[in-house]
Each structure stands twice: as structure tokens, then as C-alpha cells.
């Protein structure tokens, strides 16, 4: 299954559940309230949307309260979002994307070394 399109607000919900799951809607709402100010009904609406998209799953706990858990790994969603961005903005070409971020990011020397190593490793895999 392809990862669904997840807007920023729903991404916030997913992050909370990737961090800790399963959780009830009330627990998710309480954890996000200081940051977002969202009411529990707003959180419930987004949880329902994420279930409809296949990003979350739910089950009742032993007390009969509905709990939510990610149906997709964070890595799978990040990969899909990254590919979608690459396709939309850079027409699927990785080189312009890498050049864009390398020239416009404030990378530390160790981050630059790490990127060089990743590129060298990539060349070794695909001579």
C-alpha cells in the first residue's frame, strides 16, 4: 500500500502516535494541547481521517475505549513524502534537489563529510 498524503496537521497527530502508541483520542489531545491548542473533537476528526486514509488503525482496549496506533511506519511515510516532493518540485531528478539543499543549507563540516560518504557509497553501489 502506498503511503497516503498527510497534511501538516495530521502529520502532528502521526508524530504523537509514532512517539507512543497505542493512545486514546483523549491522550493524543492532551499531549498535543500545549503545542496546538486543539480541542479533543478536532483531534478525533483528524484521527478518523487518518484511519480512512489507512495511516492509522484502532482497537478497543480492555476498558472498551478506542485506542489508535500507526498502521504505517514513519520511515515508509517519509519515503513516500520525499518521493512525492522530488517528483512534484524537481520532476523526479535527485541531482537538482541535492544541489539545492547543499547550496542553501547551513551544513556543519561533519554533516558535509557524512553526505560525501553517502554519495561515495552510492557510487560504489552503482558504478
Protein backbone atom coordinates (compact mmCIF):
# COMPACT_ATOMS: atom_id res chain seq x y z
CA UNK A 1 0.00 0.00 0.00
CA UNK A 2 1.27 3.45 -0.88
CA UNK A 3 1.58 5.92 1.96
CA UNK A 4 -1.27 8.44 1.94
CA UNK A 5 -0.94 12.19 1.58
CA UNK A 6 -0.71 13.54 5.13
CA UNK A 7 -1.13 17.31 5.60
CA UNK A 8 0.80 19.16 8.32
CA UNK A 9 -1.90 18.98 10.99
CA UNK A 10 -2.37 15.24 10.50
CA UNK A 11 1.42 14.83 10.47
CA UNK A 12 1.41 16.26 14.02
CA UNK A 13 -1.04 13.54 15.07
CA UNK A 14 1.08 10.85 13.39
CA UNK A 15 4.24 12.10 15.14
CA UNK A 16 2.49 11.82 18.51
CA UNK A 17 1.50 8.24 17.75
CA UNK A 18 4.88 7.24 16.30
CA UNK A 19 6.34 8.52 19.55
CA UNK A 20 3.95 6.49 21.71
CA UNK A 21 1.16 4.11 20.78
CA UNK A 22 -1.44 2.93 21.32
CA UNK A 23 -3.17 6.02 22.66
CA UNK A 24 -6.74 7.13 23.09
CA UNK A 25 -8.03 10.29 21.43
CA UNK A 26 -8.00 11.99 24.83
CA UNK A 27 -4.38 11.01 25.41
CA UNK A 28 -3.33 12.30 21.99
CA UNK A 29 -5.27 15.51 22.55
CA UNK A 30 -3.75 16.05 25.99
CA UNK A 31 -0.21 15.53 24.69
CA UNK A 32 -0.72 17.99 21.80
CA UNK A 33 -2.85 20.60 23.59
CA UNK A 34 0.02 22.81 24.82
CA UNK A 35 1.59 22.90 21.35
CA UNK A 36 -1.52 23.12 19.17
CA UNK A 37 -4.43 24.30 21.32
CA UNK A 38 -6.64 21.71 19.60
CA UNK A 39 -9.83 20.52 21.27
CA UNK A 40 -10.34 16.79 21.66
CA UNK A 41 -13.04 16.86 18.93
CA UNK A 42 -10.52 18.33 16.47
CA UNK A 43 -8.11 15.52 17.29
CA UNK A 44 -10.90 12.92 16.91
CA UNK A 45 -11.74 14.30 13.46
CA UNK A 46 -8.12 14.02 12.34
CA UNK A 47 -7.80 10.51 13.82
CA UNK A 48 -10.85 9.45 11.80
CA UNK A 49 -9.39 10.94 8.62
CA UNK A 50 -6.11 9.13 9.21
CA UNK A 51 -7.95 5.83 9.70
CA UNK A 52 -9.87 6.44 6.47
CA UNK A 53 -6.54 7.03 4.69
CA UNK A 54 -5.09 3.81 6.09
CA UNK A 55 -2.41 5.62 8.11
CA UNK A 56 -3.84 4.61 11.49
CA UNK A 57 -5.60 1.62 12.93
CA UNK A 58 -7.78 1.41 16.02
CA UNK A 59 -8.91 -1.17 18.51
CA UNK A 60 -10.75 -1.14 21.80
CA UNK A 61 -8.69 -1.63 24.94
CA UNK A 62 -9.80 -3.80 27.88
CA UNK A 63 -11.97 -0.92 29.17
CA UNK A 64 -13.76 -0.64 25.83
CA UNK A 65 -12.03 2.64 24.95
CA UNK A 66 -10.85 3.08 21.37
CA UNK A 67 -7.06 3.34 21.00
CA UNK A 68 -5.10 4.42 17.95
CA UNK A 69 -1.81 3.16 16.52
CA UNK A 70 0.09 3.88 13.32
CA UNK A 71 -0.66 1.45 10.51
CA UNK A 72 2.43 2.69 8.65
CA UNK A 73 5.98 3.22 9.84
CA UNK A 74 7.37 6.73 9.97
CA UNK A 75 10.10 5.65 7.56
CA UNK A 76 7.56 4.46 4.96
CA UNK A 77 5.63 7.73 5.12
CA UNK A 78 8.81 9.84 4.98
CA UNK A 79 9.96 7.87 1.92
CA UNK A 80 6.63 8.41 0.17
CA UNK A 81 6.51 12.12 1.08
CA UNK A 82 10.11 12.57 -0.09
CA UNK A 83 9.39 10.87 -3.40
CA UNK A 84 6.26 12.96 -3.89
CA UNK A 85 8.24 16.16 -3.23
CA UNK A 86 11.02 15.06 -5.57
CA UNK A 87 8.51 14.26 -8.31
CA UNK A 88 6.49 17.47 -7.92
CA UNK A 89 9.23 20.03 -7.40
CA UNK A 90 12.23 18.52 -9.19
CA UNK A 91 10.43 16.36 -11.80
CA UNK A 92 11.94 13.25 -10.19
CA UNK A 93 15.57 14.34 -10.62
CA UNK A 94 17.64 13.90 -7.47
CA UNK A 95 20.68 15.94 -8.57
CA UNK A 96 18.91 19.35 -8.62
CA UNK A 97 17.37 18.55 -5.24
CA UNK A 98 20.75 17.71 -3.71
CA UNK A 99 22.37 20.79 -5.23
CA UNK A 100 19.53 22.98 -3.98
CA UNK A 101 19.84 21.76 -0.39
CA UNK A 102 23.63 21.62 -0.37
CA UNK A 103 23.96 25.22 -1.56
CA UNK A 104 21.18 26.65 0.59
CA UNK A 105 21.70 24.78 3.85
CA UNK A 106 23.96 25.74 6.70
CA UNK A 107 25.71 22.37 6.93
CA UNK A 108 28.38 21.65 9.52
CA UNK A 109 31.70 20.15 8.40
CA UNK A 110 30.69 16.79 9.89
CA UNK A 111 27.36 16.85 8.02
CA UNK A 112 29.23 17.60 4.78
CA UNK A 113 31.58 14.69 5.43
CA UNK A 114 28.63 12.42 6.09
CA UNK A 115 26.96 13.49 2.83
CA UNK A 116 30.20 12.90 0.93
CA UNK A 117 30.42 9.42 2.41
CA UNK A 118 26.81 8.67 1.44
CA UNK A 119 27.49 9.81 -2.13
CA UNK A 120 30.70 7.77 -2.28
CA UNK A 121 28.81 4.71 -1.03
CA UNK A 122 26.13 5.31 -3.63
CA UNK A 123 28.77 5.45 -6.41
CA UNK A 124 30.23 2.17 -5.13
CA UNK A 125 26.78 0.52 -5.35
CA UNK A 126 26.07 1.84 -8.86
CA UNK A 127 29.35 2.02 -10.79
